[in-house]
Protein backbone atom coordinates (compact mmCIF):
# COMPACT_ATOMS: atom_id res chain seq x y z
CA UNK A 1 305.43 329.84 156.82
CA UNK A 2 306.23 333.31 155.37
CA UNK A 3 305.47 334.53 151.84
CA UNK A 4 308.92 333.54 150.56
CA UNK A 5 308.49 329.95 151.78
CA UNK A 6 305.00 329.78 150.24
CA UNK A 7 306.33 331.01 146.89
CA UNK A 8 309.24 328.55 146.98
CA UNK A 9 306.87 325.68 147.81
CA UNK A 10 304.56 326.66 144.94
CA UNK A 11 307.47 326.63 142.49
CA UNK A 12 308.66 323.26 143.80
CA UNK A 13 305.15 321.81 143.46
CA UNK A 14 304.96 323.05 139.90
CA UNK A 15 308.31 321.56 138.91
CA UNK A 16 307.45 318.21 140.46
CA UNK A 17 304.06 318.23 138.74
CA UNK A 18 305.05 319.72 135.38
CA UNK A 19 302.21 320.39 132.94
CA UNK A 20 301.51 317.51 130.57
CA UNK A 21 300.84 318.48 126.96
CA UNK A 22 299.30 316.00 124.51
CA UNK A 23 298.76 316.93 120.84
CA UNK A 24 296.37 314.96 118.63
CA UNK A 25 295.88 315.71 114.94
CA UNK A 26 293.63 312.68 114.33
CA UNK A 27 290.85 313.20 116.86
CA UNK A 28 289.16 316.02 114.93
CA UNK A 29 288.77 316.52 111.19
CA UNK A 30 289.05 320.30 111.20
CA UNK A 31 291.28 321.20 114.16
CA UNK A 32 294.30 320.12 116.18
CA UNK A 33 293.38 318.96 119.69
CA UNK A 34 295.73 320.06 122.46
CA UNK A 35 295.21 318.69 125.96
CA UNK A 36 297.02 320.34 128.86
CA UNK A 37 296.92 318.91 132.39
CA UNK A 38 298.25 321.20 135.14
CA UNK A 39 298.16 321.58 138.90
CA UNK A 40 294.93 323.40 139.86
CA UNK A 41 295.74 326.92 141.01
CA UNK A 42 294.75 330.51 140.34
CA UNK A 43 296.11 331.70 136.98
CA UNK A 44 296.78 328.24 135.50
CA UNK A 45 294.09 328.56 132.82
CA UNK A 46 295.22 332.07 131.90
CA UNK A 47 298.81 330.90 131.40
CA UNK A 48 297.74 328.17 128.97
CA UNK A 49 295.38 330.42 126.99
CA UNK A 50 298.04 333.14 126.93
CA UNK A 51 300.60 330.80 125.36
CA UNK A 52 298.16 329.63 122.68
CA UNK A 53 297.11 333.21 121.93
CA UNK A 54 300.70 334.44 121.65
CA UNK A 55 301.34 331.74 119.05
CA UNK A 56 298.41 333.14 117.01
CA UNK A 57 296.40 329.94 117.34
CA UNK A 58 292.63 330.29 116.89
CA UNK A 59 290.71 328.45 119.62
CA UNK A 60 287.52 327.14 118.05
CA UNK A 61 286.40 325.00 120.98
CA UNK A 62 287.60 324.42 124.53
CA UNK A 63 286.67 322.43 127.61
CA UNK A 64 288.01 323.05 131.12
CA UNK A 65 287.51 320.75 134.11
CA UNK A 66 289.09 320.20 137.52
CA UNK A 67 289.45 317.01 139.51
CA UNK A 68 291.17 317.01 142.88
CA UNK A 69 294.42 318.96 142.58
CA UNK A 70 294.51 318.73 138.75
CA UNK A 71 293.12 321.05 136.13
CA UNK A 72 292.43 319.54 132.68
CA UNK A 73 292.10 321.69 129.56
CA UNK A 74 291.24 320.57 126.03
CA UNK A 75 291.59 323.07 123.18
CA UNK A 76 290.65 322.71 119.53
CA UNK A 77 292.95 325.05 117.61
CA UNK A 78 293.73 326.09 114.02
CA UNK A 79 296.11 328.52 112.36
CA UNK A 80 295.08 331.89 110.89
CA UNK A 81 293.79 330.15 107.76
CA UNK A 82 291.63 327.63 109.62
CA UNK A 83 294.02 324.71 109.07
CA UNK A 84 295.39 322.16 111.51
CA UNK A 85 298.77 322.82 113.12
CA UNK A 86 301.50 320.73 111.50
CA UNK A 87 304.62 322.54 112.73
CA UNK A 88 306.36 320.49 115.44
CA UNK A 89 308.17 323.66 116.50
CA UNK A 90 304.85 325.12 117.66
CA UNK A 91 304.16 322.09 119.87
CA UNK A 92 307.67 322.24 121.32
CA UNK A 93 307.20 325.94 122.02
CA UNK A 94 303.98 325.25 123.92
CA UNK A 95 305.62 322.60 126.09
CA UNK A 96 308.67 324.76 126.78
CA UNK A 97 306.58 327.81 127.67
CA UNK A 98 304.28 325.94 130.05
CA UNK A 99 307.17 324.24 131.81
CA UNK A 100 308.95 327.53 132.53
CA UNK A 101 308.24 329.59 135.65
CA UNK A 102 307.41 332.69 133.63
CA UNK A 103 305.12 330.75 131.31
CA UNK A 104 305.57 333.25 128.50
CA UNK A 105 306.44 332.96 124.85
CA UNK A 106 309.39 335.28 124.29
CA UNK A 107 309.54 334.77 120.53
CA UNK A 108 306.31 336.65 119.89
CA UNK A 109 307.67 340.06 120.85
CA UNK A 110 305.15 340.38 123.66
CA UNK A 111 307.88 340.66 126.28
CA UNK A 112 310.90 342.94 126.52
CA UNK A 113 313.46 342.01 129.14
CA UNK A 114 316.34 344.27 128.10
CA UNK A 115 317.75 346.49 130.85
CA UNK A 116 318.63 349.04 128.17
CA UNK A 117 315.04 350.32 128.11
CA UNK A 118 312.83 352.34 130.43
CA UNK A 119 309.27 351.13 130.89
CA UNK A 120 306.50 353.75 130.91
CA UNK A 121 302.96 352.86 131.97
CA UNK A 122 300.18 355.39 131.38
CA UNK A 123 296.50 355.36 132.34
CA UNK A 124 294.09 358.23 131.81
CA UNK A 125 291.02 359.59 130.08
CA UNK A 126 290.93 359.00 126.33
CA UNK A 127 290.39 361.96 123.97
CA UNK A 128 291.23 362.98 120.39
CA UNK A 129 294.92 363.82 119.94
CA UNK A 130 296.08 362.13 123.15
CA UNK A 131 298.53 359.76 121.44
CA UNK A 132 299.95 362.60 119.34
CA UNK A 133 300.62 364.69 122.45
CA UNK A 134 302.28 361.78 124.27
CA UNK A 135 304.56 361.19 121.28
CA UNK A 136 305.34 364.94 121.07
CA UNK A 137 306.50 364.98 124.70
CA UNK A 138 308.78 361.98 124.19
CA UNK A 139 310.16 363.44 120.94
CA UNK A 140 310.87 366.86 122.51
CA UNK A 141 312.75 365.16 125.34
CA UNK A 142 314.80 363.14 122.84
CA UNK A 143 313.35 359.77 123.78
CA UNK A 144 313.30 356.92 121.29
CA UNK A 145 310.22 354.66 121.41
CA UNK A 146 311.41 351.05 121.10
CA UNK A 147 308.03 349.40 121.50
CA UNK A 148 304.55 350.57 122.46
CA UNK A 149 301.04 349.19 122.80
CA UNK A 150 298.05 351.40 123.51
CA UNK A 151 294.50 350.39 124.40
CA UNK A 152 291.39 352.58 124.55
CA UNK A 153 287.95 351.54 125.77
CA UNK A 154 284.95 353.34 127.25
CA UNK A 155 286.74 356.72 127.39
CA UNK A 156 289.73 355.22 129.22
CA UNK A 157 293.21 354.75 127.74
CA UNK A 158 296.24 352.74 128.84
CA UNK A 159 299.69 352.41 127.32
CA UNK A 160 302.85 350.38 127.88
CA UNK A 161 305.82 352.09 126.24
CA UNK A 162 309.50 351.10 126.15
CA UNK A 163 311.90 354.00 125.55
CA UNK A 164 315.63 354.70 125.31
CA UNK A 165 317.72 357.86 125.37
CA UNK A 166 317.99 359.04 121.76
CA UNK A 167 321.64 360.09 122.19
CA UNK A 168 322.91 356.85 123.77
CA UNK A 169 320.42 354.21 122.66
CA UNK A 170 320.26 352.93 126.23
CA UNK A 171 318.04 353.40 129.26
CA UNK A 172 317.69 356.90 130.70
CA UNK A 173 319.41 357.08 134.08
CA UNK A 174 319.25 360.81 134.85
CA UNK A 175 316.63 361.10 137.63
CA UNK A 176 315.90 364.73 136.69
CA UNK A 177 315.07 363.79 133.12
CA UNK A 178 312.93 360.86 134.24
CA UNK A 179 311.10 363.15 136.64
CA UNK A 180 310.51 365.69 133.85
CA UNK A 181 309.15 362.98 131.51
CA UNK A 182 306.77 361.82 134.20
CA UNK A 183 305.61 365.37 134.99
CA UNK A 184 304.94 366.33 131.36
CA UNK A 185 303.14 363.08 130.55
CA UNK A 186 300.97 363.56 133.64
CA UNK A 187 300.02 367.04 132.42
CA UNK A 188 299.09 365.60 129.00
CA UNK A 189 296.88 362.92 130.57
CA UNK A 190 295.23 365.24 133.07
CA UNK A 191 291.66 366.02 132.10
CA UNK A 192 290.16 368.85 134.13
CA UNK A 193 286.68 367.58 133.31
CA UNK A 194 287.36 364.14 134.80
CA UNK A 195 287.57 363.44 138.54
CA UNK A 196 289.79 360.39 137.97
CA UNK A 197 293.51 360.98 138.43
CA UNK A 198 295.82 359.81 135.63
CA UNK A 199 298.60 357.39 136.49
CA UNK A 200 302.16 357.64 135.11
CA UNK A 201 304.98 355.34 136.17
CA UNK A 202 308.51 354.88 134.85
CA UNK A 203 310.62 351.88 135.83
CA UNK A 204 313.17 349.38 134.61
CA UNK A 205 311.48 346.68 132.52
CA UNK A 206 310.93 343.26 134.02
CA UNK A 207 309.22 340.11 132.84
CA UNK A 208 305.81 341.34 131.74
CA UNK A 209 303.27 340.20 129.22
CA UNK A 210 302.09 343.42 127.57
CA UNK A 211 298.54 342.27 126.86
CA UNK A 212 298.17 340.88 130.38
CA UNK A 213 299.52 344.08 131.92
CA UNK A 214 297.20 346.28 129.85
CA UNK A 215 294.24 344.20 131.02
CA UNK A 216 295.23 344.87 134.63
CA UNK A 217 295.68 348.59 133.99
CA UNK A 218 292.33 348.97 132.23
CA UNK A 219 290.55 347.00 134.96
CA UNK A 220 292.11 349.25 137.61
CA UNK A 221 290.92 352.25 135.56
CA UNK A 222 287.39 350.78 135.64
CA UNK A 223 287.07 350.77 131.86
CA UNK A 224 284.06 348.48 132.26
CA UNK A 225 282.03 351.54 133.31
CA UNK A 226 280.54 352.81 130.06
CA UNK A 227 279.81 356.58 129.86
CA UNK A 228 276.14 357.44 129.28
CA UNK A 229 277.16 359.50 126.24
CA UNK A 230 278.51 356.39 124.52
CA UNK A 231 275.49 354.13 125.01
CA UNK A 232 274.07 353.25 121.61
CA UNK A 233 272.02 350.56 119.90
CA UNK A 234 274.98 348.49 118.71
CA UNK A 235 275.09 344.75 119.24
CA UNK A 236 276.62 343.97 122.62
CA UNK A 237 277.63 340.69 124.30
CA UNK A 238 274.94 338.90 126.26
CA UNK A 239 276.27 338.03 129.72
CA UNK A 240 274.29 336.35 132.49
CA UNK A 241 275.49 335.63 136.02
CA UNK A 242 273.82 333.05 138.25
CA UNK A 243 274.96 332.62 141.84
CA UNK A 244 274.69 329.17 143.41
CA UNK A 245 275.36 329.89 147.12
CA UNK A 246 274.52 326.34 148.16
CA UNK A 247 277.35 325.05 145.97
CA UNK A 248 279.80 327.94 146.47
CA UNK A 249 280.17 328.79 142.80
CA UNK A 250 278.85 331.20 140.19
CA UNK A 251 277.78 330.30 136.66
CA UNK A 252 278.65 332.86 133.99
CA UNK A 253 277.27 332.50 130.47
CA UNK A 254 278.48 334.83 127.72
CA UNK A 255 277.45 335.02 124.06
CA UNK A 256 279.16 337.41 121.67
CA UNK A 257 280.54 337.89 118.18
CA UNK A 258 283.69 335.80 117.89
CA UNK A 259 287.03 337.52 117.35
CA UNK A 260 290.75 336.82 117.86
CA UNK A 261 291.88 336.70 121.50
CA UNK A 262 288.30 336.61 122.82
CA UNK A 263 288.99 333.72 125.22
CA UNK A 264 292.23 335.38 126.40
CA UNK A 265 290.38 338.63 127.13
CA UNK A 266 287.60 336.75 128.94
CA UNK A 267 289.97 334.74 131.16
CA UNK A 268 292.06 337.85 131.90
CA UNK A 269 288.95 339.67 133.10
CA UNK A 270 287.83 336.81 135.33
CA UNK A 271 291.35 336.47 136.77
CA UNK A 272 291.55 340.20 137.53
CA UNK A 273 288.23 339.86 139.38
CA UNK A 274 289.78 337.09 141.50
CA UNK A 275 287.63 334.34 140.05
CA UNK A 276 288.93 330.83 139.53
CA UNK A 277 287.46 328.93 136.58
CA UNK A 278 287.18 325.26 137.56
CA UNK A 279 284.72 324.09 134.90
CA UNK A 280 283.90 325.64 131.55
CA UNK A 281 283.22 325.26 127.86
CA UNK A 282 283.77 327.45 124.82
CA UNK A 283 282.15 326.76 121.46
CA UNK A 284 282.35 328.94 118.35
CA UNK A 285 279.81 328.73 115.57
CA UNK A 286 280.35 330.92 112.53
CA UNK A 287 280.46 334.52 113.72
CA UNK A 288 279.11 333.74 117.16
CA UNK A 289 281.11 332.61 120.17
CA UNK A 290 279.19 330.84 122.91
CA UNK A 291 281.06 330.66 126.19
CA UNK A 292 279.96 328.88 129.34
CA UNK A 293 282.15 329.01 132.44
CA UNK A 294 281.56 327.68 135.94
CA UNK A 295 283.51 329.83 138.38
CA UNK A 296 284.55 329.86 142.01
CA UNK A 297 286.02 332.72 144.03
CA UNK A 298 289.65 332.00 144.82
CA UNK A 299 289.20 332.67 148.53
CA UNK A 300 286.28 330.24 148.68
CA UNK A 301 288.32 327.62 146.87
CA UNK A 302 291.19 327.74 149.36
CA UNK A 303 288.94 328.00 152.39
CA UNK A 304 286.90 324.98 151.36
């Protein structure tokens, strides 16, 4: 069976076993309980958390468990003001998003599918004035920025930028101009004091989740390596990793200050590292977020 047949079979399996979403506003006094049952596979948990995050739902508690070929997730969620979710449109949006192949919420502005844009992805060393110089290059070349999101962490920077030709309002098609944009942006990102090579790519936009893509770019840039010059006495997350070779899984416990999108960022990181979460729990208490996840390497899971 070739890769195309495997992909087609996976899509068929998903459509036959569509995710089941159950919403309960009576089970908890302070939060709406959302239960999602899906086929167990790599990325399933990330898709669910991504949808809830894109809808700006705060996850105050969560439990994840697998049984056979099924993966069961229970989330306790509130709105930005700490209230239960009463809008039926939100529940319908969750069901629709999880049942689609892309599993993305288009209404949040996280995804641009228009062919009238060019997609620029940048990764390089962060420094003062970097964003200003990137914008100056695009302005000088008469490019209009339609949408952009930039992340910086541990002296690394990544950006996803959608642009159009200022004169036409559509995608730039001239290969010479595209080549010039790429060359000048590379020169801006190049840091002669850093051995790491910047990355600049320009393409036609496809179905991407900006936050998810930026996670992948920052992971590839090894943003988890903190420069010695930036080590300070600030409060940092407490993460412990315990291998259980006899049971073929790893237990990861993380405690940190709670913030929006914390679970999304955590699951993205584990997914990028090729870990499959098959049991886990997340509990928030005031300003602290206590996360416990039982993990299994994807390759071990499928070889078992």
